[in-house]
């Protein structure tokens, strides 16, 4: 008789119930954060580079968020499609208490106070040059930008924002924003820092969605976003943000940087999130639309990969579809 191994790993793969029983990681709707683009008009605006994603008018945002909450999604992340005429070199619209984000936040919290609202803190949706900070002689200046971001964050908290998410990658901004929020009486507002945000080519559809791609005019953000070749630098960024008072940290983009996500989680054991960015969503959606990939299967596999790598939650444009899939009868 041929000798076979006594330990057969396939035994635990034989039945669906047995595979479920020994599954190491699981995904649930409560792991998902839904990014939402807010439009100034009264009509929904499809985004060509993000199939199935639309800019949602203010008058419809509360209804859409309520539907997402009914699917078990606990948090929405808001991004404005600021009208061109309101953009300026100084990004003054970011400091308008009545801008799209602040109005949307107030509407959401009034209609569904149990849903978390995460607000992006950066100037690129408001600047006529498309950069995340203030430009002086063609260079994004750090400290002057941080002072504006502090004022922006306080206004968002005032509107009802639960989680402030600085995505600008300026040095020292987390500590300054924490101090500004505390001094304004918003000690309970959390900060989710975009700690490891790379200068990635995967952001293209997002920049089209918020209207910053044209303003950027072929420029790049390499003087403040991270070099995709670096991982030790990401650990230093995360450590600094934690030390300055971040409550949560984030890695962006997602799947191309799962190694970064894993290293950060293993080193700091801190609430860590990942952003499955617009380019990732667009690639999977386009391949599924062409019949090259099984759309629901790759959607769920990609999201599970984030959990396996150590993410406590995922920002993803698939959030509603994934939540529906997770609630389907088995």
C-alpha atoms as a PDB file:
ATOM      1  CA  UNK A   1       0.000   0.000   0.000  1.00  0.00           C
ATOM      2  CA  UNK A   2       1.334   3.481  -0.833  1.00  0.00           C
ATOM      3  CA  UNK A   3       2.013   5.692   2.156  1.00  0.00           C
ATOM      4  CA  UNK A   4      -0.145   8.801   2.377  1.00  0.00           C
ATOM      5  CA  UNK A   5       0.055  11.649   4.888  1.00  0.00           C
ATOM      6  CA  UNK A   6      -2.033  11.291   8.009  1.00  0.00           C
ATOM      7  CA  UNK A   7      -2.676  15.034   7.934  1.00  0.00           C
ATOM      8  CA  UNK A   8      -4.877  15.840   4.961  1.00  0.00           C
ATOM      9  CA  UNK A   9      -5.607  19.547   4.735  1.00  0.00           C
ATOM     10  CA  UNK A  10      -8.318  18.916   2.147  1.00  0.00           C
ATOM     11  CA  UNK A  11     -10.484  17.251   4.798  1.00  0.00           C
ATOM     12  CA  UNK A  12     -11.445  20.689   6.073  1.00  0.00           C
ATOM     13  CA  UNK A  13     -12.417  21.852   2.572  1.00  0.00           C
ATOM     14  CA  UNK A  14     -14.897  19.083   1.777  1.00  0.00           C
ATOM     15  CA  UNK A  15     -18.212  20.738   2.719  1.00  0.00           C
ATOM     16  CA  UNK A  16     -19.348  24.386   2.641  1.00  0.00           C
ATOM     17  CA  UNK A  17     -20.314  24.277   6.318  1.00  0.00           C
ATOM     18  CA  UNK A  18     -16.906  22.887   7.232  1.00  0.00           C
ATOM     19  CA  UNK A  19     -15.090  25.530   5.203  1.00  0.00           C
ATOM     20  CA  UNK A  20     -17.140  28.179   7.001  1.00  0.00           C
ATOM     21  CA  UNK A  21     -16.379  26.612  10.360  1.00  0.00           C
ATOM     22  CA  UNK A  22     -12.604  26.950   9.974  1.00  0.00           C
ATOM     23  CA  UNK A  23     -12.560  30.232   8.049  1.00  0.00           C
ATOM     24  CA  UNK A  24      -9.936  32.544   9.526  1.00  0.00           C
ATOM     25  CA  UNK A  25     -11.253  35.917   8.355  1.00  0.00           C
ATOM     26  CA  UNK A  26     -14.732  37.210   7.614  1.00  0.00           C
ATOM     27  CA  UNK A  27     -16.258  40.288   6.045  1.00  0.00           C
ATOM     28  CA  UNK A  28     -19.456  41.971   7.202  1.00  0.00           C
ATOM     29  CA  UNK A  29     -21.344  45.151   6.228  1.00  0.00           C
ATOM     30  CA  UNK A  30     -20.053  46.753   9.428  1.00  0.00           C
ATOM     31  CA  UNK A  31     -16.538  46.643   7.927  1.00  0.00           C
ATOM     32  CA  UNK A  32     -17.529  48.923   5.047  1.00  0.00           C
ATOM     33  CA  UNK A  33     -17.370  52.689   4.598  1.00  0.00           C
ATOM     34  CA  UNK A  34     -19.193  54.083   1.561  1.00  0.00           C
ATOM     35  CA  UNK A  35     -17.542  57.043  -0.215  1.00  0.00           C
ATOM     36  CA  UNK A  36     -20.158  59.431  -1.599  1.00  0.00           C
ATOM     37  CA  UNK A  37     -19.728  62.307  -4.070  1.00  0.00           C
ATOM     38  CA  UNK A  38     -21.963  65.303  -3.400  1.00  0.00           C
ATOM     39  CA  UNK A  39     -23.254  67.388  -6.332  1.00  0.00           C
ATOM     40  CA  UNK A  40     -24.435  70.986  -6.304  1.00  0.00           C
ATOM     41  CA  UNK A  41     -27.263  70.512  -8.816  1.00  0.00           C
ATOM     42  CA  UNK A  42     -30.621  68.796  -8.578  1.00  0.00           C
ATOM     43  CA  UNK A  43     -29.825  65.870 -10.885  1.00  0.00           C
ATOM     44  CA  UNK A  44     -27.783  62.739 -10.296  1.00  0.00           C
ATOM     45  CA  UNK A  45     -24.609  62.832 -12.363  1.00  0.00           C
ATOM     46  CA  UNK A  46     -23.105  59.521 -13.584  1.00  0.00           C
ATOM     47  CA  UNK A  47     -19.308  59.363 -13.416  1.00  0.00           C
ATOM     48  CA  UNK A  48     -18.044  57.815 -16.643  1.00  0.00           C
ATOM     49  CA  UNK A  49     -14.818  56.444 -15.169  1.00  0.00           C
ATOM     50  CA  UNK A  50     -16.641  54.917 -12.180  1.00  0.00           C
ATOM     51  CA  UNK A  51     -19.386  52.691 -13.626  1.00  0.00           C
ATOM     52  CA  UNK A  52     -22.385  52.606 -11.325  1.00  0.00           C
ATOM     53  CA  UNK A  53     -21.190  55.553  -9.212  1.00  0.00           C
ATOM     54  CA  UNK A  54     -22.996  58.906  -9.346  1.00  0.00           C
ATOM     55  CA  UNK A  55     -22.650  62.347  -7.857  1.00  0.00           C
ATOM     56  CA  UNK A  56     -25.647  62.645  -5.559  1.00  0.00           C
ATOM     57  CA  UNK A  57     -27.554  65.941  -5.171  1.00  0.00           C
ATOM     58  CA  UNK A  58     -27.899  67.399  -1.701  1.00  0.00           C
ATOM     59  CA  UNK A  59     -31.660  66.932  -1.736  1.00  0.00           C
ATOM     60  CA  UNK A  60     -31.213  63.157  -2.169  1.00  0.00           C
ATOM     61  CA  UNK A  61     -28.258  62.496   0.102  1.00  0.00           C
ATOM     62  CA  UNK A  62     -30.202  61.744   3.287  1.00  0.00           C
ATOM     63  CA  UNK A  63     -32.370  59.177   1.482  1.00  0.00           C
ATOM     64  CA  UNK A  64     -29.340  57.467  -0.059  1.00  0.00           C
ATOM     65  CA  UNK A  65     -27.503  57.298   3.249  1.00  0.00           C
ATOM     66  CA  UNK A  66     -30.600  55.889   4.961  1.00  0.00           C
ATOM     67  CA  UNK A  67     -30.739  53.117   2.363  1.00  0.00           C
ATOM     68  CA  UNK A  68     -27.066  52.370   2.917  1.00  0.00           C
ATOM     69  CA  UNK A  69     -27.618  52.226   6.662  1.00  0.00           C
ATOM     70  CA  UNK A  70     -30.460  49.761   6.125  1.00  0.00           C
ATOM     71  CA  UNK A  71     -27.874  47.506   4.467  1.00  0.00           C
ATOM     72  CA  UNK A  72     -25.747  47.636   7.605  1.00  0.00           C
ATOM     73  CA  UNK A  73     -23.159  50.174   6.388  1.00  0.00           C
ATOM     74  CA  UNK A  74     -22.167  52.201   9.470  1.00  0.00           C
ATOM     75  CA  UNK A  75     -20.242  55.138   7.968  1.00  0.00           C
ATOM     76  CA  UNK A  76     -20.288  57.293   4.840  1.00  0.00           C
ATOM     77  CA  UNK A  77     -17.317  59.332   3.588  1.00  0.00           C
ATOM     78  CA  UNK A  78     -18.243  62.596   1.880  1.00  0.00           C
ATOM     79  CA  UNK A  79     -16.457  64.241  -1.059  1.00  0.00           C
ATOM     80  CA  UNK A  80     -17.681  67.389  -2.845  1.00  0.00           C
ATOM     81  CA  UNK A  81     -17.892  68.058  -6.563  1.00  0.00           C
ATOM     82  CA  UNK A  82     -17.343  71.783  -6.028  1.00  0.00           C
ATOM     83  CA  UNK A  83     -18.593  73.987  -8.892  1.00  0.00           C
ATOM     84  CA  UNK A  84     -15.718  75.458 -10.905  1.00  0.00           C
ATOM     85  CA  UNK A  85     -16.770  79.026 -10.214  1.00  0.00           C
ATOM     86  CA  UNK A  86     -16.307  78.450  -6.472  1.00  0.00           C
ATOM     87  CA  UNK A  87     -12.727  77.220  -6.772  1.00  0.00           C
ATOM     88  CA  UNK A  88      -9.846  79.586  -6.118  1.00  0.00           C
ATOM     89  CA  UNK A  89      -6.060  79.484  -5.595  1.00  0.00           C
ATOM     90  CA  UNK A  90      -6.617  79.876  -1.835  1.00  0.00           C
ATOM     91  CA  UNK A  91      -9.404  77.242  -1.766  1.00  0.00           C
ATOM     92  CA  UNK A  92     -11.626  79.626   0.166  1.00  0.00           C
ATOM     93  CA  UNK A  93     -14.739  77.485  -0.358  1.00  0.00           C
ATOM     94  CA  UNK A  94     -13.247  74.929   2.043  1.00  0.00           C
ATOM     95  CA  UNK A  95     -13.889  77.496   4.801  1.00  0.00           C
ATOM     96  CA  UNK A  96     -17.474  78.197   3.825  1.00  0.00           C
ATOM     97  CA  UNK A  97     -19.725  76.906   6.648  1.00  0.00           C
ATOM     98  CA  UNK A  98     -22.429  76.422   4.015  1.00  0.00           C
ATOM     99  CA  UNK A  99     -20.354  74.480   1.467  1.00  0.00           C
ATOM    100  CA  UNK A 100     -21.489  71.164  -0.007  1.00  0.00           C
ATOM    101  CA  UNK A 101     -19.819  68.956   2.585  1.00  0.00           C
ATOM    102  CA  UNK A 102     -21.059  70.887   5.597  1.00  0.00           C
ATOM    103  CA  UNK A 103     -24.601  71.062   4.250  1.00  0.00           C
ATOM    104  CA  UNK A 104     -24.598  67.362   3.386  1.00  0.00           C
ATOM    105  CA  UNK A 105     -23.278  66.481   6.839  1.00  0.00           C
ATOM    106  CA  UNK A 106     -26.024  68.452   8.556  1.00  0.00           C
ATOM    107  CA  UNK A 107     -28.715  66.862   6.384  1.00  0.00           C
ATOM    108  CA  UNK A 108     -27.417  63.348   7.058  1.00  0.00           C
ATOM    109  CA  UNK A 109     -27.122  63.807  10.811  1.00  0.00           C
ATOM    110  CA  UNK A 110     -30.636  65.265  10.967  1.00  0.00           C
ATOM    111  CA  UNK A 111     -32.158  62.379   8.999  1.00  0.00           C
ATOM    112  CA  UNK A 112     -30.116  59.465  10.345  1.00  0.00           C
ATOM    113  CA  UNK A 113     -28.075  60.461  13.402  1.00  0.00           C
ATOM    114  CA  UNK A 114     -27.035  56.845  13.990  1.00  0.00           C
ATOM    115  CA  UNK A 115     -24.924  56.832  10.793  1.00  0.00           C
ATOM    116  CA  UNK A 116     -21.321  57.959  11.061  1.00  0.00           C
ATOM    117  CA  UNK A 117     -20.114  60.763   8.793  1.00  0.00           C
ATOM    118  CA  UNK A 118     -16.466  60.930   7.744  1.00  0.00           C
ATOM    119  CA  UNK A 119     -15.272  64.169   6.148  1.00  0.00           C
ATOM    120  CA  UNK A 120     -12.180  64.539   4.002  1.00  0.00           C
ATOM    121  CA  UNK A 121      -9.858  67.354   5.069  1.00  0.00           C
ATOM    122  CA  UNK A 122      -7.801  68.624   2.127  1.00  0.00           C
ATOM    123  CA  UNK A 123      -7.994  71.515  -0.295  1.00  0.00           C
ATOM    124  CA  UNK A 124      -7.915  69.763  -3.687  1.00  0.00           C
ATOM    125  CA  UNK A 125     -11.729  69.766  -4.206  1.00  0.00           C
ATOM    126  CA  UNK A 126     -11.734  73.531  -3.614  1.00  0.00           C
ATOM    127  CA  UNK A 127      -8.494  74.767  -5.203  1.00  0.00           C
ATOM    128  CA  UNK A 128      -8.275  76.047  -8.763  1.00  0.00           C
ATOM    129  CA  UNK A 129      -4.851  74.368  -9.102  1.00  0.00           C
ATOM    130  CA  UNK A 130      -6.032  70.934  -7.913  1.00  0.00           C
ATOM    131  CA  UNK A 131      -3.491  70.544  -5.114  1.00  0.00           C
ATOM    132  CA  UNK A 132      -4.234  69.487  -1.553  1.00  0.00           C
ATOM    133  CA  UNK A 133      -2.605  72.595  -0.101  1.00  0.00           C
ATOM    134  CA  UNK A 134      -1.721  76.220  -0.738  1.00  0.00           C
ATOM    135  CA  UNK A 135       0.698  76.959  -3.568  1.00  0.00           C
ATOM    136  CA  UNK A 136       3.556  79.458  -3.187  1.00  0.00           C
ATOM    137  CA  UNK A 137       5.843  79.787  -6.212  1.00  0.00           C
ATOM    138  CA  UNK A 138       4.632  76.458  -7.546  1.00  0.00           C
ATOM    139  CA  UNK A 139       5.315  74.560  -4.298  1.00  0.00           C
ATOM    140  CA  UNK A 140       2.703  73.289  -1.843  1.00  0.00           C
ATOM    141  CA  UNK A 141       3.615  74.938   1.440  1.00  0.00           C
ATOM    142  CA  UNK A 142       3.185  72.930   4.605  1.00  0.00           C
ATOM    143  CA  UNK A 143       2.529  75.085   7.658  1.00  0.00           C
ATOM    144  CA  UNK A 144       0.253  77.651   6.028  1.00  0.00           C
ATOM    145  CA  UNK A 145      -1.802  74.805   4.576  1.00  0.00           C
ATOM    146  CA  UNK A 146      -2.132  73.145   7.979  1.00  0.00           C
ATOM    147  CA  UNK A 147      -3.598  76.320   9.459  1.00  0.00           C
ATOM    148  CA  UNK A 148      -6.327  76.300   6.792  1.00  0.00           C
ATOM    149  CA  UNK A 149      -6.965  72.586   7.345  1.00  0.00           C
ATOM    150  CA  UNK A 150      -7.496  73.209  11.052  1.00  0.00           C
ATOM    151  CA  UNK A 151     -10.192  75.771  10.299  1.00  0.00           C
ATOM    152  CA  UNK A 152     -11.772  73.428   7.742  1.00  0.00           C
ATOM    153  CA  UNK A 153     -11.839  70.571  10.261  1.00  0.00           C
ATOM    154  CA  UNK A 154     -13.522  72.679  12.942  1.00  0.00           C
ATOM    155  CA  UNK A 155     -16.227  73.789  10.505  1.00  0.00           C
ATOM    156  CA  UNK A 156     -16.871  70.163   9.559  1.00  0.00           C
ATOM    157  CA  UNK A 157     -17.145  69.171  13.210  1.00  0.00           C
ATOM    158  CA  UNK A 158     -19.515  72.082  13.730  1.00  0.00           C
ATOM    159  CA  UNK A 159     -21.731  70.709  10.943  1.00  0.00           C
ATOM    160  CA  UNK A 160     -21.919  67.331  12.685  1.00  0.00           C
ATOM    161  CA  UNK A 161     -18.998  65.355  11.288  1.00  0.00           C
ATOM    162  CA  UNK A 162     -18.022  62.364  13.443  1.00  0.00           C
ATOM    163  CA  UNK A 163     -14.652  61.498  11.885  1.00  0.00           C
ATOM    164  CA  UNK A 164     -12.200  64.042  10.496  1.00  0.00           C
ATOM    165  CA  UNK A 165      -9.999  62.446   7.823  1.00  0.00           C
ATOM    166  CA  UNK A 166      -6.963  64.542   6.807  1.00  0.00           C
ATOM    167  CA  UNK A 167      -5.885  63.295   3.367  1.00  0.00           C
ATOM    168  CA  UNK A 168      -3.471  66.097   2.518  1.00  0.00           C
ATOM    169  CA  UNK A 169      -0.212  64.505   3.761  1.00  0.00           C
ATOM    170  CA  UNK A 170       1.149  67.720   5.264  1.00  0.00           C
ATOM    171  CA  UNK A 171       3.638  67.194   8.084  1.00  0.00           C
ATOM    172  CA  UNK A 172       2.253  67.778  11.567  1.00  0.00           C
ATOM    173  CA  UNK A 173      -1.335  68.279  10.547  1.00  0.00           C
ATOM    174  CA  UNK A 174      -2.824  65.591  12.795  1.00  0.00           C
ATOM    175  CA  UNK A 175      -1.492  67.164  15.982  1.00  0.00           C
ATOM    176  CA  UNK A 176      -2.555  70.666  14.954  1.00  0.00           C
ATOM    177  CA  UNK A 177      -6.050  69.481  13.930  1.00  0.00           C
ATOM    178  CA  UNK A 178      -6.435  67.572  17.213  1.00  0.00           C
ATOM    179  CA  UNK A 179      -5.554  70.712  19.166  1.00  0.00           C
ATOM    180  CA  UNK A 180      -7.913  72.863  17.076  1.00  0.00           C
ATOM    181  CA  UNK A 181     -10.809  70.450  17.554  1.00  0.00           C
ATOM    182  CA  UNK A 182     -10.215  70.199  21.296  1.00  0.00           C
ATOM    183  CA  UNK A 183      -9.997  73.959  21.746  1.00  0.00           C
ATOM    184  CA  UNK A 184     -13.257  74.371  19.808  1.00  0.00           C
ATOM    185  CA  UNK A 185     -15.030  71.895  22.096  1.00  0.00           C
ATOM    186  CA  UNK A 186     -15.013  68.883  19.777  1.00  0.00           C
ATOM    187  CA  UNK A 187     -12.957  66.511  21.922  1.00  0.00           C
ATOM    188  CA  UNK A 188     -15.196  63.586  20.943  1.00  0.00           C
ATOM    189  CA  UNK A 189     -14.698  63.991  17.191  1.00  0.00           C
ATOM    190  CA  UNK A 190     -12.321  61.292  15.931  1.00  0.00           C
ATOM    191  CA  UNK A 191      -9.436  61.604  13.496  1.00  0.00           C
ATOM    192  CA  UNK A 192      -8.756  58.967  10.845  1.00  0.00           C
ATOM    193  CA  UNK A 193      -5.430  59.993   9.361  1.00  0.00           C
ATOM    194  CA  UNK A 194      -4.486  59.152   5.810  1.00  0.00           C
ATOM    195  CA  UNK A 195      -1.103  58.092   7.167  1.00  0.00           C
ATOM    196  CA  UNK A 196       0.325  56.159   4.226  1.00  0.00           C
ATOM    197  CA  UNK A 197      -1.087  57.898   1.178  1.00  0.00           C
ATOM    198  CA  UNK A 198       0.970  57.216  -1.906  1.00  0.00           C
ATOM    199  CA  UNK A 199       1.458  59.350  -5.018  1.00  0.00           C
ATOM    200  CA  UNK A 200      -0.445  56.766  -7.021  1.00  0.00           C
ATOM    201  CA  UNK A 201      -1.710  56.513 -10.577  1.00  0.00           C
ATOM    202  CA  UNK A 202      -4.817  54.746  -9.243  1.00  0.00           C
ATOM    203  CA  UNK A 203      -6.562  57.992  -8.232  1.00  0.00           C
ATOM    204  CA  UNK A 204      -7.537  59.095 -11.755  1.00  0.00           C
ATOM    205  CA  UNK A 205     -11.296  58.413 -11.644  1.00  0.00           C
ATOM    206  CA  UNK A 206     -11.610  60.061  -8.218  1.00  0.00           C
ATOM    207  CA  UNK A 207      -9.980  63.245  -9.475  1.00  0.00           C
ATOM    208  CA  UNK A 208     -12.428  63.298 -12.355  1.00  0.00           C
ATOM    209  CA  UNK A 209     -15.310  62.779  -9.922  1.00  0.00           C
ATOM    210  CA  UNK A 210     -14.401  65.796  -7.752  1.00  0.00           C
ATOM    211  CA  UNK A 211     -13.230  67.861 -10.717  1.00  0.00           C
ATOM    212  CA  UNK A 212      -9.592  68.256  -9.660  1.00  0.00           C
ATOM    213  CA  UNK A 213      -8.024  66.383 -12.599  1.00  0.00           C
ATOM    214  CA  UNK A 214      -8.477  69.299 -14.994  1.00  0.00           C
ATOM    215  CA  UNK A 215      -7.261  71.779 -12.387  1.00  0.00           C
ATOM    216  CA  UNK A 216      -4.139  69.712 -11.745  1.00  0.00           C
ATOM    217  CA  UNK A 217      -3.411  69.973 -15.492  1.00  0.00           C
ATOM    218  CA  UNK A 218      -0.985  67.075 -15.709  1.00  0.00           C
ATOM    219  CA  UNK A 219       0.838  67.993 -12.507  1.00  0.00           C
ATOM    220  CA  UNK A 220       1.570  65.552  -9.727  1.00  0.00           C
ATOM    221  CA  UNK A 221       1.573  65.424  -5.936  1.00  0.00           C
ATOM    222  CA  UNK A 222       4.939  63.769  -5.409  1.00  0.00           C
ATOM    223  CA  UNK A 223       6.289  66.493  -3.123  1.00  0.00           C
ATOM    224  CA  UNK A 224       3.785  65.563  -0.418  1.00  0.00           C
ATOM    225  CA  UNK A 225       2.304  62.133  -1.178  1.00  0.00           C
ATOM    226  CA  UNK A 226       4.540  59.099  -0.655  1.00  0.00           C
ATOM    227  CA  UNK A 227       6.845  57.349  -3.109  1.00  0.00           C
ATOM    228  CA  UNK A 228       5.266  53.982  -4.079  1.00  0.00           C
ATOM    229  CA  UNK A 229       8.695  52.372  -3.645  1.00  0.00           C
ATOM    230  CA  UNK A 230       8.808  53.048   0.116  1.00  0.00           C
ATOM    231  CA  UNK A 231       7.481  51.038   3.038  1.00  0.00           C
ATOM    232  CA  UNK A 232       9.717  52.024   5.982  1.00  0.00           C
ATOM    233  CA  UNK A 233       8.643  55.612   5.381  1.00  0.00           C
ATOM    234  CA  UNK A 234       5.011  54.506   5.739  1.00  0.00           C
ATOM    235  CA  UNK A 235       5.816  53.113   9.168  1.00  0.00           C
ATOM    236  CA  UNK A 236       7.337  56.429  10.196  1.00  0.00           C
ATOM    237  CA  UNK A 237       4.283  58.300   8.896  1.00  0.00           C
ATOM    238  CA  UNK A 238       1.930  56.019  10.830  1.00  0.00           C
ATOM    239  CA  UNK A 239       3.982  56.309  14.003  1.00  0.00           C
ATOM    240  CA  UNK A 240       3.997  60.086  13.779  1.00  0.00           C
ATOM    241  CA  UNK A 241       0.228  60.300  13.252  1.00  0.00           C
ATOM    242  CA  UNK A 242      -0.432  57.980  16.181  1.00  0.00           C
ATOM    243  CA  UNK A 243       1.875  60.058  18.381  1.00  0.00           C
ATOM    244  CA  UNK A 244       0.084  63.260  17.332  1.00  0.00           C
ATOM    245  CA  UNK A 245      -3.314  61.945  18.377  1.00  0.00           C
ATOM    246  CA  UNK A 246      -4.875  60.049  15.478  1.00  0.00           C
ATOM    247  CA  UNK A 247      -7.592  57.629  16.575  1.00  0.00           C
ATOM    248  CA  UNK A 248      -7.377  55.573  13.379  1.00  0.00           C
ATOM    249  CA  UNK A 249      -4.945  55.398  10.477  1.00  0.00           C
ATOM    250  CA  UNK A 250      -5.363  54.544   6.813  1.00  0.00           C
ATOM    251  CA  UNK A 251      -3.403  53.088   3.904  1.00  0.00           C
ATOM    252  CA  UNK A 252      -4.241  54.360   0.414  1.00  0.00           C
ATOM    253  CA  UNK A 253      -4.457  52.885  -2.251  1.00  0.00           C
ATOM    254  CA  UNK A 254      -5.529  49.446  -1.150  1.00  0.00           C
ATOM    255  CA  UNK A 255      -4.730  46.237  -3.002  1.00  0.00           C
ATOM    256  CA  UNK A 256      -1.366  47.327  -4.485  1.00  0.00           C
ATOM    257  CA  UNK A 257      -0.307  48.203  -0.922  1.00  0.00           C
ATOM    258  CA  UNK A 258      -1.499  45.209   1.101  1.00  0.00           C
ATOM    259  CA  UNK A 259       2.093  44.663   2.239  1.00  0.00           C
ATOM    260  CA  UNK A 260       2.122  48.173   3.719  1.00  0.00           C
ATOM    261  CA  UNK A 261      -1.225  47.575   5.416  1.00  0.00           C
ATOM    262  CA  UNK A 262       0.010  44.315   6.918  1.00  0.00           C
ATOM    263  CA  UNK A 263       3.287  45.802   8.189  1.00  0.00           C
ATOM    264  CA  UNK A 264       1.541  48.772   9.797  1.00  0.00           C
ATOM    265  CA  UNK A 265      -1.063  46.592  11.518  1.00  0.00           C
ATOM    266  CA  UNK A 266       1.518  44.131  12.799  1.00  0.00           C
ATOM    267  CA  UNK A 267       3.835  46.848  14.098  1.00  0.00           C
ATOM    268  CA  UNK A 268       1.359  49.182  15.789  1.00  0.00           C
ATOM    269  CA  UNK A 269      -1.722  47.040  16.596  1.00  0.00           C
ATOM    270  CA  UNK A 270      -3.765  50.180  15.991  1.00  0.00           C
ATOM    271  CA  UNK A 271      -7.171  50.661  14.299  1.00  0.00           C
ATOM    272  CA  UNK A 272      -6.120  50.549  10.645  1.00  0.00           C
ATOM    273  CA  UNK A 273      -8.201  51.092   7.523  1.00  0.00           C
ATOM    274  CA  UNK A 274      -7.635  50.756   3.794  1.00  0.00           C
ATOM    275  CA  UNK A 275      -9.120  52.649   0.868  1.00  0.00           C
ATOM    276  CA  UNK A 276      -9.984  50.586  -2.198  1.00  0.00           C
ATOM    277  CA  UNK A 277      -9.540  53.567  -4.458  1.00  0.00           C
ATOM    278  CA  UNK A 278     -11.311  54.611  -7.628  1.00  0.00           C
ATOM    279  CA  UNK A 279      -8.799  53.021 -10.007  1.00  0.00           C
ATOM    280  CA  UNK A 280      -9.128  49.661  -8.285  1.00  0.00           C
ATOM    281  CA  UNK A 281     -12.908  49.854  -8.451  1.00  0.00           C
ATOM    282  CA  UNK A 282     -12.837  50.944 -12.101  1.00  0.00           C
ATOM    283  CA  UNK A 283     -10.564  48.080 -13.164  1.00  0.00           C
ATOM    284  CA  UNK A 284     -12.650  45.380 -11.516  1.00  0.00           C
ATOM    285  CA  UNK A 285     -15.917  46.923 -12.731  1.00  0.00           C
ATOM    286  CA  UNK A 286     -14.702  47.235 -16.327  1.00  0.00           C
ATOM    287  CA  UNK A 287     -13.405  43.674 -16.395  1.00  0.00           C
ATOM    288  CA  UNK A 288     -16.698  42.399 -14.995  1.00  0.00           C
ATOM    289  CA  UNK A 289     -18.720  44.452 -17.506  1.00  0.00           C
ATOM    290  CA  UNK A 290     -16.746  42.880 -20.338  1.00  0.00           C
ATOM    291  CA  UNK A 291     -17.306  39.369 -19.011  1.00  0.00           C
ATOM    292  CA  UNK A 292     -13.612  38.864 -18.272  1.00  0.00           C
ATOM    293  CA  UNK A 293     -14.148  38.418 -14.530  1.00  0.00           C
ATOM    294  CA  UNK A 294     -16.983  37.277 -12.287  1.00  0.00           C
ATOM    295  CA  UNK A 295     -17.934  40.666 -10.810  1.00  0.00           C
ATOM    296  CA  UNK A 296     -19.416  39.634  -7.440  1.00  0.00           C
ATOM    297  CA  UNK A 297     -16.707  37.034  -6.892  1.00  0.00           C
ATOM    298  CA  UNK A 298     -13.769  39.389  -7.461  1.00  0.00           C
ATOM    299  CA  UNK A 299     -15.511  42.143  -5.483  1.00  0.00           C
ATOM    300  CA  UNK A 300     -15.845  39.931  -2.432  1.00  0.00           C
ATOM    301  CA  UNK A 301     -12.414  38.343  -2.832  1.00  0.00           C
ATOM    302  CA  UNK A 302     -10.742  41.741  -3.032  1.00  0.00           C
ATOM    303  CA  UNK A 303     -12.540  43.010   0.072  1.00  0.00           C
ATOM    304  CA  UNK A 304     -11.721  39.867   2.027  1.00  0.00           C
ATOM    305  CA  UNK A 305      -8.055  40.380   1.100  1.00  0.00           C
ATOM    306  CA  UNK A 306      -8.088  43.658   3.036  1.00  0.00           C
ATOM    307  CA  UNK A 307      -9.392  41.903   6.132  1.00  0.00           C
ATOM    308  CA  UNK A 308      -6.791  39.159   5.769  1.00  0.00           C
ATOM    309  CA  UNK A 309      -4.029  41.766   5.521  1.00  0.00           C
ATOM    310  CA  UNK A 310      -5.183  43.395   8.766  1.00  0.00           C
ATOM    311  CA  UNK A 311      -7.716  46.096   7.872  1.00  0.00           C
ATOM    312  CA  UNK A 312     -10.334  46.855  10.502  1.00  0.00           C
ATOM    313  CA  UNK A 313     -12.473  48.446   7.797  1.00  0.00           C
ATOM    314  CA  UNK A 314     -12.470  49.356   4.125  1.00  0.00           C
ATOM    315  CA  UNK A 315     -13.524  52.455   2.232  1.00  0.00           C
ATOM    316  CA  UNK A 316     -14.905  51.122  -1.031  1.00  0.00           C
ATOM    317  CA  UNK A 317     -17.247  52.174  -3.820  1.00  0.00           C
ATOM    318  CA  UNK A 318     -18.474  48.574  -3.734  1.00  0.00           C
ATOM    319  CA  UNK A 319     -19.869  49.103  -0.225  1.00  0.00           C
ATOM    320  CA  UNK A 320     -23.573  48.924  -1.105  1.00  0.00           C
ATOM    321  CA  UNK A 321     -23.186  46.053  -3.570  1.00  0.00           C
ATOM    322  CA  UNK A 322     -21.009  44.134  -1.132  1.00  0.00           C
ATOM    323  CA  UNK A 323     -23.466  44.669   1.722  1.00  0.00           C
ATOM    324  CA  UNK A 324     -26.304  43.378  -0.444  1.00  0.00           C
ATOM    325  CA  UNK A 325     -24.232  40.355  -1.417  1.00  0.00           C
ATOM    326  CA  UNK A 326     -23.433  39.598   2.219  1.00  0.00           C
ATOM    327  CA  UNK A 327     -27.147  39.702   3.084  1.00  0.00           C
ATOM    328  CA  UNK A 328     -28.270  37.386   0.281  1.00  0.00           C
ATOM    329  CA  UNK A 329     -29.860  34.040   1.258  1.00  0.00           C
ATOM    330  CA  UNK A 330     -27.324  31.235   1.237  1.00  0.00           C
END
